[in-house]
Amino acid sequence: MAEVVNTLVKAQQAPSDQREPLFLDARQKIREVVESYVALVADGTAAQVADLYADDATVEDPVGSPVKSGKPAIADFYKMAVA
């Protein structure tokens, strides 16, 4: 995901006539990450899902449990959700 952020930053800083290909590249990378996430939640392990996140990422459960910080806590959270 960091690669997507870097691409978006480059796109925003690029001259206007050079932005479109960068935004399209970022869009494709976002699609790939989302497709990986969906596939891993369906058929992967909690650790594989957590690996999609940055080392210092946080996850907030919409049900209201405490924020999960870091890959180990995120993996623990996904242990309840993955197959």
PDB file of N, CA and C in Angstrom:
ATOM      1  N   MET A   1       0.814  -1.191   0.000  1.00  0.00           N
ATOM      2  CA  MET A   1       0.000   0.000   0.000  1.00  0.00           C
ATOM      3  C   MET A   1       0.860   1.259   0.000  1.00  0.00           C
ATOM      4  N   ALA A   2       2.037   1.168   0.594  1.00  0.00           N
ATOM      5  CA  ALA A   2       2.935   2.326   0.582  1.00  0.00           C
ATOM      6  C   ALA A   2       3.268   2.736  -0.853  1.00  0.00           C
ATOM      7  N   GLU A   3       3.364   1.753  -1.736  1.00  0.00           N
ATOM      8  CA  GLU A   3       3.641   2.041  -3.143  1.00  0.00           C
ATOM      9  C   GLU A   3       2.514   2.878  -3.757  1.00  0.00           C
ATOM     10  N   VAL A   4       1.278   2.596  -3.366  1.00  0.00           N
ATOM     11  CA  VAL A   4       0.130   3.366  -3.859  1.00  0.00           C
ATOM     12  C   VAL A   4       0.225   4.796  -3.379  1.00  0.00           C
ATOM     13  N   VAL A   5       0.531   4.972  -2.112  1.00  0.00           N
ATOM     14  CA  VAL A   5       0.642   6.318  -1.551  1.00  0.00           C
ATOM     15  C   VAL A   5       1.736   7.095  -2.263  1.00  0.00           C
ATOM     16  N   ASN A   6       2.886   6.455  -2.489  1.00  0.00           N
ATOM     17  CA  ASN A   6       3.985   7.124  -3.192  1.00  0.00           C
ATOM     18  C   ASN A   6       3.575   7.537  -4.598  1.00  0.00           C
ATOM     19  N   THR A   7       2.837   6.674  -5.280  1.00  0.00           N
ATOM     20  CA  THR A   7       2.376   7.000  -6.631  1.00  0.00           C
ATOM     21  C   THR A   7       1.404   8.163  -6.609  1.00  0.00           C
ATOM     22  N   LEU A   8       0.516   8.186  -5.631  1.00  0.00           N
ATOM     23  CA  LEU A   8      -0.434   9.304  -5.526  1.00  0.00           C
ATOM     24  C   LEU A   8       0.276  10.617  -5.225  1.00  0.00           C
ATOM     25  N   VAL A   9       1.273  10.577  -4.377  1.00  0.00           N
ATOM     26  CA  VAL A   9       2.042  11.789  -4.073  1.00  0.00           C
ATOM     27  C   VAL A   9       2.744  12.286  -5.328  1.00  0.00           C
ATOM     28  N   LYS A  10       3.355  11.377  -6.078  1.00  0.00           N
ATOM     29  CA  LYS A  10       4.007  11.762  -7.334  1.00  0.00           C
ATOM     30  C   LYS A  10       3.005  12.395  -8.292  1.00  0.00           C
ATOM     31  N   ALA A  11       1.829  11.814  -8.377  1.00  0.00           N
ATOM     32  CA  ALA A  11       0.803  12.334  -9.279  1.00  0.00           C
ATOM     33  C   ALA A  11       0.384  13.744  -8.889  1.00  0.00           C
ATOM     34  N   GLN A  12       0.217  13.960  -7.605  1.00  0.00           N
ATOM     35  CA  GLN A  12      -0.194  15.288  -7.149  1.00  0.00           C
ATOM     36  C   GLN A  12       0.889  16.330  -7.406  1.00  0.00           C
ATOM     37  N   GLN A  13       2.145  15.915  -7.355  1.00  0.00           N
ATOM     38  CA  GLN A  13       3.253  16.853  -7.526  1.00  0.00           C
ATOM     39  C   GLN A  13       3.667  17.013  -8.989  1.00  0.00           C
ATOM     40  N   ALA A  14       3.204  16.143  -9.840  1.00  0.00           N
ATOM     41  CA  ALA A  14       3.593  16.177 -11.251  1.00  0.00           C
ATOM     42  C   ALA A  14       2.894  17.324 -11.975  1.00  0.00           C
ATOM     43  N   PRO A  15       3.503  17.788 -13.060  1.00  0.00           N
ATOM     44  CA  PRO A  15       2.813  18.762 -13.900  1.00  0.00           C
ATOM     45  C   PRO A  15       1.471  18.189 -14.360  1.00  0.00           C
ATOM     46  N   SER A  16       0.498  19.030 -14.538  1.00  0.00           N
ATOM     47  CA  SER A  16      -0.861  18.566 -14.824  1.00  0.00           C
ATOM     48  C   SER A  16      -0.939  17.662 -16.046  1.00  0.00           C
ATOM     49  N   ASP A  17      -0.101  17.885 -17.046  1.00  0.00           N
ATOM     50  CA  ASP A  17      -0.159  17.050 -18.252  1.00  0.00           C
ATOM     51  C   ASP A  17       0.457  15.668 -18.046  1.00  0.00           C
ATOM     52  N   GLN A  18       1.055  15.413 -16.883  1.00  0.00           N
ATOM     53  CA  GLN A  18       1.669  14.115 -16.593  1.00  0.00           C
ATOM     54  C   GLN A  18       0.941  13.349 -15.492  1.00  0.00           C
ATOM     55  N   ARG A  19      -0.121  13.889 -14.971  1.00  0.00           N
ATOM     56  CA  ARG A  19      -0.796  13.279 -13.826  1.00  0.00           C
ATOM     57  C   ARG A  19      -1.638  12.060 -14.166  1.00  0.00           C
ATOM     58  N   GLU A  20      -2.345  12.114 -15.268  1.00  0.00           N
ATOM     59  CA  GLU A  20      -3.311  11.057 -15.575  1.00  0.00           C
ATOM     60  C   GLU A  20      -2.708   9.651 -15.557  1.00  0.00           C
ATOM     61  N   PRO A  21      -1.557   9.411 -16.214  1.00  0.00           N
ATOM     62  CA  PRO A  21      -1.003   8.051 -16.161  1.00  0.00           C
ATOM     63  C   PRO A  21      -0.633   7.622 -14.739  1.00  0.00           C
ATOM     64  N   LEU A  22      -0.171   8.554 -13.930  1.00  0.00           N
ATOM     65  CA  LEU A  22       0.182   8.220 -12.552  1.00  0.00           C
ATOM     66  C   LEU A  22      -1.057   7.867 -11.737  1.00  0.00           C
ATOM     67  N   PHE A  23      -2.130   8.627 -11.930  1.00  0.00           N
ATOM     68  CA  PHE A  23      -3.371   8.311 -11.224  1.00  0.00           C
ATOM     69  C   PHE A  23      -3.937   6.966 -11.688  1.00  0.00           C
ATOM     70  N   LEU A  24      -3.832   6.672 -12.976  1.00  0.00           N
ATOM     71  CA  LEU A  24      -4.299   5.373 -13.483  1.00  0.00           C
ATOM     72  C   LEU A  24      -3.467   4.237 -12.899  1.00  0.00           C
ATOM     73  N   ASP A  25      -2.163   4.454 -12.755  1.00  0.00           N
ATOM     74  CA  ASP A  25      -1.287   3.449 -12.152  1.00  0.00           C
ATOM     75  C   ASP A  25      -1.676   3.223 -10.695  1.00  0.00           C
ATOM     76  N   ALA A  26      -1.915   4.293  -9.966  1.00  0.00           N
ATOM     77  CA  ALA A  26      -2.331   4.171  -8.564  1.00  0.00           C
ATOM     78  C   ALA A  26      -3.670   3.449  -8.464  1.00  0.00           C
ATOM     79  N   ARG A  27      -4.576   3.775  -9.354  1.00  0.00           N
ATOM     80  CA  ARG A  27      -5.891   3.125  -9.352  1.00  0.00           C
ATOM     81  C   ARG A  27      -5.754   1.617  -9.546  1.00  0.00           C
ATOM     82  N   GLN A  28      -4.888   1.208 -10.460  1.00  0.00           N
ATOM     83  CA  GLN A  28      -4.667  -0.222 -10.703  1.00  0.00           C
ATOM     84  C   GLN A  28      -4.062  -0.886  -9.466  1.00  0.00           C
ATOM     85  N   LYS A  29      -3.110  -0.225  -8.838  1.00  0.00           N
ATOM     86  CA  LYS A  29      -2.481  -0.786  -7.638  1.00  0.00           C
ATOM     87  C   LYS A  29      -3.488  -0.911  -6.500  1.00  0.00           C
ATOM     88  N   ILE A  30      -4.364   0.066  -6.356  1.00  0.00           N
ATOM     89  CA  ILE A  30      -5.410  -0.001  -5.325  1.00  0.00           C
ATOM     90  C   ILE A  30      -6.320  -1.189  -5.605  1.00  0.00           C
ATOM     91  N   ARG A  31      -6.707  -1.362  -6.853  1.00  0.00           N
ATOM     92  CA  ARG A  31      -7.558  -2.499  -7.242  1.00  0.00           C
ATOM     93  C   ARG A  31      -6.880  -3.823  -6.882  1.00  0.00           C
ATOM     94  N   GLU A  32      -5.585  -3.934  -7.163  1.00  0.00           N
ATOM     95  CA  GLU A  32      -4.854  -5.165  -6.865  1.00  0.00           C
ATOM     96  C   GLU A  32      -4.823  -5.450  -5.364  1.00  0.00           C
ATOM     97  N   VAL A  33      -4.614  -4.419  -4.555  1.00  0.00           N
ATOM     98  CA  VAL A  33      -4.584  -4.604  -3.099  1.00  0.00           C
ATOM     99  C   VAL A  33      -5.966  -5.019  -2.592  1.00  0.00           C
ATOM    100  N   VAL A  34      -7.010  -4.371  -3.085  1.00  0.00           N
ATOM    101  CA  VAL A  34      -8.371  -4.714  -2.649  1.00  0.00           C
ATOM    102  C   VAL A  34      -8.716  -6.148  -3.064  1.00  0.00           C
ATOM    103  N   GLU A  35      -8.357  -6.526  -4.283  1.00  0.00           N
ATOM    104  CA  GLU A  35      -8.627  -7.897  -4.730  1.00  0.00           C
ATOM    105  C   GLU A  35      -7.847  -8.906  -3.896  1.00  0.00           C
ATOM    106  N   SER A  36      -6.613  -8.583  -3.548  1.00  0.00           N
ATOM    107  CA  SER A  36      -5.829  -9.458  -2.672  1.00  0.00           C
ATOM    108  C   SER A  36      -6.479  -9.586  -1.302  1.00  0.00           C
ATOM    109  N   TYR A  37      -6.939  -8.466  -0.773  1.00  0.00           N
ATOM    110  CA  TYR A  37      -7.591  -8.467   0.534  1.00  0.00           C
ATOM    111  C   TYR A  37      -8.822  -9.378   0.517  1.00  0.00           C
ATOM    112  N   VAL A  38      -9.678  -9.209  -0.467  1.00  0.00           N
ATOM    113  CA  VAL A  38     -10.899 -10.009  -0.552  1.00  0.00           C
ATOM    114  C   VAL A  38     -10.553 -11.495  -0.682  1.00  0.00           C
ATOM    115  N   ALA A  39      -9.596 -11.813  -1.533  1.00  0.00           N
ATOM    116  CA  ALA A  39      -9.208 -13.207  -1.720  1.00  0.00           C
ATOM    117  C   ALA A  39      -8.623 -13.801  -0.442  1.00  0.00           C
ATOM    118  N   LEU A  40      -7.805 -13.028   0.265  1.00  0.00           N
ATOM    119  CA  LEU A  40      -7.179 -13.549   1.480  1.00  0.00           C
ATOM    120  C   LEU A  40      -8.164 -13.672   2.636  1.00  0.00           C
ATOM    121  N   VAL A  41      -9.103 -12.763   2.729  1.00  0.00           N
ATOM    122  CA  VAL A  41     -10.130 -12.898   3.776  1.00  0.00           C
ATOM    123  C   VAL A  41     -10.956 -14.151   3.508  1.00  0.00           C
ATOM    124  N   ALA A  42     -11.205 -14.444   2.241  1.00  0.00           N
ATOM    125  CA  ALA A  42     -11.992 -15.629   1.893  1.00  0.00           C
ATOM    126  C   ALA A  42     -11.206 -16.924   2.056  1.00  0.00           C
ATOM    127  N   ASP A  43      -9.935 -16.939   1.651  1.00  0.00           N
ATOM    128  CA  ASP A  43      -9.195 -18.199   1.577  1.00  0.00           C
ATOM    129  C   ASP A  43      -7.800 -18.171   2.186  1.00  0.00           C
ATOM    130  N   GLY A  44      -7.385 -17.063   2.758  1.00  0.00           N
ATOM    131  CA  GLY A  44      -6.035 -16.959   3.291  1.00  0.00           C
ATOM    132  C   GLY A  44      -5.992 -17.118   4.801  1.00  0.00           C
ATOM    133  N   THR A  45      -4.844 -16.776   5.340  1.00  0.00           N
ATOM    134  CA  THR A  45      -4.654 -16.824   6.792  1.00  0.00           C
ATOM    135  C   THR A  45      -4.694 -15.410   7.356  1.00  0.00           C
ATOM    136  N   ALA A  46      -4.868 -15.326   8.647  1.00  0.00           N
ATOM    137  CA  ALA A  46      -4.867 -14.023   9.314  1.00  0.00           C
ATOM    138  C   ALA A  46      -3.531 -13.314   9.096  1.00  0.00           C
ATOM    139  N   ALA A  47      -2.443 -14.065   9.137  1.00  0.00           N
ATOM    140  CA  ALA A  47      -1.121 -13.468   8.925  1.00  0.00           C
ATOM    141  C   ALA A  47      -0.989 -12.899   7.514  1.00  0.00           C
ATOM    142  N   GLN A  48      -1.543 -13.592   6.516  1.00  0.00           N
ATOM    143  CA  GLN A  48      -1.480 -13.093   5.142  1.00  0.00           C
ATOM    144  C   GLN A  48      -2.276 -11.799   4.989  1.00  0.00           C
ATOM    145  N   VAL A  49      -3.430 -11.733   5.624  1.00  0.00           N
ATOM    146  CA  VAL A  49      -4.219 -10.496   5.579  1.00  0.00           C
ATOM    147  C   VAL A  49      -3.445  -9.378   6.267  1.00  0.00           C
ATOM    148  N   ALA A  50      -2.893  -9.656   7.424  1.00  0.00           N
ATOM    149  CA  ALA A  50      -2.146  -8.637   8.168  1.00  0.00           C
ATOM    150  C   ALA A  50      -0.945  -8.137   7.373  1.00  0.00           C
ATOM    151  N   ASP A  51      -0.358  -8.999   6.555  1.00  0.00           N
ATOM    152  CA  ASP A  51       0.795  -8.587   5.751  1.00  0.00           C
ATOM    153  C   ASP A  51       0.446  -7.530   4.706  1.00  0.00           C
ATOM    154  N   LEU A  52      -0.821  -7.353   4.403  1.00  0.00           N
ATOM    155  CA  LEU A  52      -1.231  -6.286   3.482  1.00  0.00           C
ATOM    156  C   LEU A  52      -1.115  -4.914   4.132  1.00  0.00           C
ATOM    157  N   TYR A  53      -1.034  -4.879   5.440  1.00  0.00           N
ATOM    158  CA  TYR A  53      -0.990  -3.627   6.200  1.00  0.00           C
ATOM    159  C   TYR A  53       0.446  -3.192   6.463  1.00  0.00           C
ATOM    160  N   ALA A  54       0.631  -1.898   6.657  1.00  0.00           N
ATOM    161  CA  ALA A  54       1.935  -1.363   7.071  1.00  0.00           C
ATOM    162  C   ALA A  54       2.237  -1.836   8.489  1.00  0.00           C
ATOM    163  N   ASP A  55       3.518  -1.855   8.833  1.00  0.00           N
ATOM    164  CA  ASP A  55       3.921  -2.320  10.162  1.00  0.00           C
ATOM    165  C   ASP A  55       3.250  -1.539  11.285  1.00  0.00           C
ATOM    166  N   ASP A  56       3.016  -0.255  11.065  1.00  0.00           N
ATOM    167  CA  ASP A  56       2.426   0.584  12.118  1.00  0.00           C
ATOM    168  C   ASP A  56       0.946   0.909  11.863  1.00  0.00           C
ATOM    169  N   ALA A  57       0.304   0.099  11.046  1.00  0.00           N
ATOM    170  CA  ALA A  57      -1.109   0.329  10.712  1.00  0.00           C
ATOM    171  C   ALA A  57      -2.005   0.125  11.925  1.00  0.00           C
ATOM    172  N   THR A  58      -3.190   0.691  11.830  1.00  0.00           N
ATOM    173  CA  THR A  58      -4.225   0.461  12.844  1.00  0.00           C
ATOM    174  C   THR A  58      -5.494   0.008  12.145  1.00  0.00           C
ATOM    175  N   VAL A  59      -6.295  -0.760  12.863  1.00  0.00           N
ATOM    176  CA  VAL A  59      -7.591  -1.209  12.369  1.00  0.00           C
ATOM    177  C   VAL A  59      -8.614  -0.897  13.448  1.00  0.00           C
ATOM    178  N   GLU A  60      -9.700  -0.282  13.028  1.00  0.00           N
ATOM    179  CA  GLU A  60     -10.791   0.018  13.944  1.00  0.00           C
ATOM    180  C   GLU A  60     -11.995  -0.820  13.559  1.00  0.00           C
ATOM    181  N   ASP A  61     -12.431  -1.628  14.484  1.00  0.00           N
ATOM    182  CA  ASP A  61     -13.604  -2.463  14.293  1.00  0.00           C
ATOM    183  C   ASP A  61     -14.846  -1.586  14.388  1.00  0.00           C
ATOM    184  N   PRO A  62     -15.714  -1.618  13.380  1.00  0.00           N
ATOM    185  CA  PRO A  62     -16.899  -0.757  13.434  1.00  0.00           C
ATOM    186  C   PRO A  62     -17.858  -1.100  14.576  1.00  0.00           C
ATOM    187  N   VAL A  63     -17.683  -2.272  15.177  1.00  0.00           N
ATOM    188  CA  VAL A  63     -18.556  -2.657  16.285  1.00  0.00           C
ATOM    189  C   VAL A  63     -18.173  -1.918  17.562  1.00  0.00           C
ATOM    190  N   GLY A  64     -16.959  -1.410  17.623  1.00  0.00           N
ATOM    191  CA  GLY A  64     -16.581  -0.583  18.757  1.00  0.00           C
ATOM    192  C   GLY A  64     -15.540  -1.166  19.681  1.00  0.00           C
ATOM    193  N   SER A  65     -14.876  -2.243  19.297  1.00  0.00           N
ATOM    194  CA  SER A  65     -13.809  -2.767  20.137  1.00  0.00           C
ATOM    195  C   SER A  65     -12.592  -1.841  20.026  1.00  0.00           C
ATOM    196  N   PRO A  66     -11.630  -1.987  20.924  1.00  0.00           N
ATOM    197  CA  PRO A  66     -10.461  -1.102  20.899  1.00  0.00           C
ATOM    198  C   PRO A  66      -9.697  -1.182  19.573  1.00  0.00           C
ATOM    199  N   VAL A  67      -8.988  -0.121  19.258  1.00  0.00           N
ATOM    200  CA  VAL A  67      -8.176  -0.052  18.046  1.00  0.00           C
ATOM    201  C   VAL A  67      -7.074  -1.104  18.117  1.00  0.00           C
ATOM    202  N   LYS A  68      -6.861  -1.776  16.997  1.00  0.00           N
ATOM    203  CA  LYS A  68      -5.781  -2.749  16.892  1.00  0.00           C
ATOM    204  C   LYS A  68      -4.602  -2.047  16.227  1.00  0.00           C
ATOM    205  N   SER A  69      -3.427  -2.099  16.848  1.00  0.00           N
ATOM    206  CA  SER A  69      -2.248  -1.396  16.335  1.00  0.00           C
ATOM    207  C   SER A  69      -1.127  -2.384  16.042  1.00  0.00           C
ATOM    208  N   GLY A  70      -0.588  -2.317  14.830  1.00  0.00           N
ATOM    209  CA  GLY A  70       0.524  -3.174  14.425  1.00  0.00           C
ATOM    210  C   GLY A  70       0.061  -4.499  13.859  1.00  0.00           C
ATOM    211  N   LYS A  71       0.928  -5.112  13.075  1.00  0.00           N
ATOM    212  CA  LYS A  71       0.584  -6.360  12.383  1.00  0.00           C
ATOM    213  C   LYS A  71       0.177  -7.495  13.328  1.00  0.00           C
ATOM    214  N   PRO A  72       0.873  -7.707  14.460  1.00  0.00           N
ATOM    215  CA  PRO A  72       0.447  -8.811  15.333  1.00  0.00           C
ATOM    216  C   PRO A  72      -0.989  -8.635  15.842  1.00  0.00           C
ATOM    217  N   ALA A  73      -1.347  -7.435  16.245  1.00  0.00           N
ATOM    218  CA  ALA A  73      -2.712  -7.188  16.735  1.00  0.00           C
ATOM    219  C   ALA A  73      -3.727  -7.301  15.598  1.00  0.00           C
ATOM    220  N   ILE A  74      -3.337  -6.858  14.420  1.00  0.00           N
ATOM    221  CA  ILE A  74      -4.230  -6.954  13.264  1.00  0.00           C
ATOM    222  C   ILE A  74      -4.422  -8.421  12.888  1.00  0.00           C
ATOM    223  N   ALA A  75      -3.362  -9.207  12.924  1.00  0.00           N
ATOM    224  CA  ALA A  75      -3.482 -10.642  12.629  1.00  0.00           C
ATOM    225  C   ALA A  75      -4.412 -11.316  13.642  1.00  0.00           C
ATOM    226  N   ASP A  76      -4.278 -10.956  14.912  1.00  0.00           N
ATOM    227  CA  ASP A  76      -5.172 -11.521  15.938  1.00  0.00           C
ATOM    228  C   ASP A  76      -6.626 -11.173  15.633  1.00  0.00           C
ATOM    229  N   PHE A  77      -6.857  -9.943  15.214  1.00  0.00           N
ATOM    230  CA  PHE A  77      -8.211  -9.507  14.870  1.00  0.00           C
ATOM    231  C   PHE A  77      -8.774 -10.343  13.713  1.00  0.00           C
ATOM    232  N   TYR A  78      -7.968 -10.600  12.695  1.00  0.00           N
ATOM    233  CA  TYR A  78      -8.444 -11.345  11.525  1.00  0.00           C
ATOM    234  C   TYR A  78      -8.550 -12.838  11.769  1.00  0.00           C
ATOM    235  N   LYS A  79      -7.991 -13.344  12.839  1.00  0.00           N
ATOM    236  CA  LYS A  79      -8.125 -14.778  13.144  1.00  0.00           C
ATOM    237  C   LYS A  79      -9.594 -15.154  13.309  1.00  0.00           C
ATOM    238  N   MET A  80     -10.402 -14.206  13.729  1.00  0.00           N
ATOM    239  CA  MET A  80     -11.848 -14.475  13.906  1.00  0.00           C
ATOM    240  C   MET A  80     -12.591 -14.386  12.584  1.00  0.00           C
ATOM    241  N   ALA A  81     -11.984 -13.769  11.557  1.00  0.00           N
ATOM    242  CA  ALA A  81     -12.714 -13.498  10.325  1.00  0.00           C
ATOM    243  C   ALA A  81     -12.354 -14.392   9.153  1.00  0.00           C
ATOM    244  N   VAL A  82     -11.135 -14.919   9.129  1.00  0.00           N
ATOM    245  CA  VAL A  82     -10.706 -15.683   7.956  1.00  0.00           C
ATOM    246  C   VAL A  82     -11.020 -17.148   8.102  1.00  0.00           C
ATOM    247  N   ALA A  83     -11.064 -17.831   6.962  1.00  0.00           N
ATOM    248  CA  ALA A  83     -11.398 -19.253   6.930  1.00  0.00           C
ATOM    249  C   ALA A  83     -10.376 -20.093   7.655  1.00  0.00           C
TER     250      ALA A  83
END
